[in-house]
Amino acid sequence: MSIVRKIKVITKDYKKENFYCKICKYPLLTNQDFDHDDEYQCCYDCFTQFAESRKEEWKNGWRPSKTVLRDYILLKNKLNSKEIKWV
């Protein structure tokens, strides 16, 4: 048996939460991730990698190139995999 319920949020200051980093697309997991997502629209890892040294440029719209971002995501995937092969 299944019950379908609709949830209606009744508040004017409702903010839709984002659960994924807009830069690397990884899930936001820690409080640091959510805090940095609120201010910089990215997770803590992307903040330290790209935004921390360019805070003003970042807030003005600067983002890493697609090539740099692709390489960063590949490295992040390798670091998060169970097995790392060093070549």
Protein backbone atom coordinates (compact mmCIF):
# COMPACT_ATOMS: atom_id res chain seq x y z
CA MET A 1 0.00 0.00 0.00
CA SER A 2 1.32 3.41 -0.94
CA ILE A 3 0.34 6.80 0.37
CA VAL A 4 1.14 9.86 -1.71
CA ARG A 5 1.25 13.07 0.23
CA LYS A 6 1.87 16.51 -1.12
CA ILE A 7 4.08 18.81 0.90
CA LYS A 8 3.38 22.49 0.61
CA VAL A 9 5.88 24.97 2.03
CA ILE A 10 4.12 28.00 3.45
CA THR A 11 6.74 30.64 4.02
CA LYS A 12 7.83 33.72 2.11
CA ASP A 13 11.53 33.29 2.77
CA TYR A 14 11.68 29.70 1.50
CA LYS A 15 15.02 28.99 -0.14
CA LYS A 16 15.42 26.00 -2.41
CA GLU A 17 18.48 24.09 -1.23
CA ASN A 18 21.06 22.97 -3.71
CA PHE A 19 22.60 19.59 -2.92
CA TYR A 20 25.26 19.47 -5.65
CA CYS A 21 28.23 21.67 -6.42
CA LYS A 22 27.60 23.84 -9.48
CA ILE A 23 31.25 23.50 -10.52
CA CYS A 24 32.22 19.81 -10.06
CA LYS A 25 28.69 18.35 -9.71
CA TYR A 26 29.70 16.37 -6.59
CA PRO A 27 27.16 16.23 -3.72
CA LEU A 28 27.48 18.75 -0.92
CA LEU A 29 28.26 16.66 2.16
CA THR A 30 29.67 18.80 4.96
CA ASN A 31 28.70 22.04 6.64
CA GLN A 32 31.70 23.64 4.95
CA ASP A 33 30.29 22.58 1.57
CA PHE A 34 26.90 24.14 2.29
CA ASP A 35 28.45 27.32 3.75
CA HIS A 36 30.65 27.83 0.71
CA ASP A 37 27.78 26.99 -1.63
CA ASP A 38 25.75 29.80 -0.05
CA GLU A 39 28.48 32.37 -0.52
CA TYR A 40 30.48 31.15 -3.55
CA GLN A 41 28.09 28.73 -5.32
CA CYS A 42 30.57 25.85 -5.07
CA CYS A 43 31.67 23.15 -2.64
CA TYR A 44 34.57 23.62 -0.22
CA ASP A 45 36.97 21.64 -2.45
CA CYS A 46 36.21 23.82 -5.49
CA PHE A 47 36.49 26.91 -3.30
CA THR A 48 39.98 25.98 -2.13
CA GLN A 49 41.04 24.87 -5.62
CA PHE A 50 39.66 27.78 -7.67
CA ALA A 51 37.95 30.56 -5.73
CA GLU A 52 40.01 31.18 -2.60
CA SER A 53 42.86 32.93 -4.39
CA ARG A 54 40.43 34.83 -6.68
CA LYS A 55 37.60 35.84 -4.37
CA GLU A 56 36.85 39.14 -6.11
CA GLU A 57 37.12 37.70 -9.62
CA TRP A 58 35.01 34.72 -8.54
CA LYS A 59 32.24 36.95 -7.21
CA ASN A 60 32.40 38.89 -10.50
CA GLY A 61 31.77 35.71 -12.50
CA TRP A 62 35.18 34.17 -13.21
CA ARG A 63 35.11 30.36 -13.50
CA PRO A 64 37.80 27.85 -14.54
CA SER A 65 37.98 26.82 -18.19
CA LYS A 66 36.25 23.62 -19.27
CA THR A 67 39.61 21.93 -19.81
CA VAL A 68 40.90 22.79 -16.33
CA LEU A 69 37.59 21.75 -14.80
CA ARG A 70 37.56 18.43 -16.70
CA ASP A 71 41.09 17.62 -15.49
CA TYR A 72 40.14 18.56 -11.92
CA ILE A 73 37.05 16.32 -11.98
CA LEU A 74 39.07 13.41 -13.41
CA LEU A 75 41.61 13.81 -10.61
CA LYS A 76 38.82 14.03 -8.03
CA ASN A 77 37.27 10.85 -9.43
CA LYS A 78 40.61 9.04 -9.20
CA LEU A 79 41.16 10.18 -5.62
CA ASN A 80 37.68 9.01 -4.65
CA SER A 81 37.98 5.62 -6.32
CA LYS A 82 38.89 2.53 -4.32
CA GLU A 83 42.00 1.82 -6.30
CA ILE A 84 44.59 4.36 -7.39
CA LYS A 85 47.12 3.33 -10.02
CA TRP A 86 50.18 5.53 -10.23
CA VAL A 87 51.80 5.64 -13.64
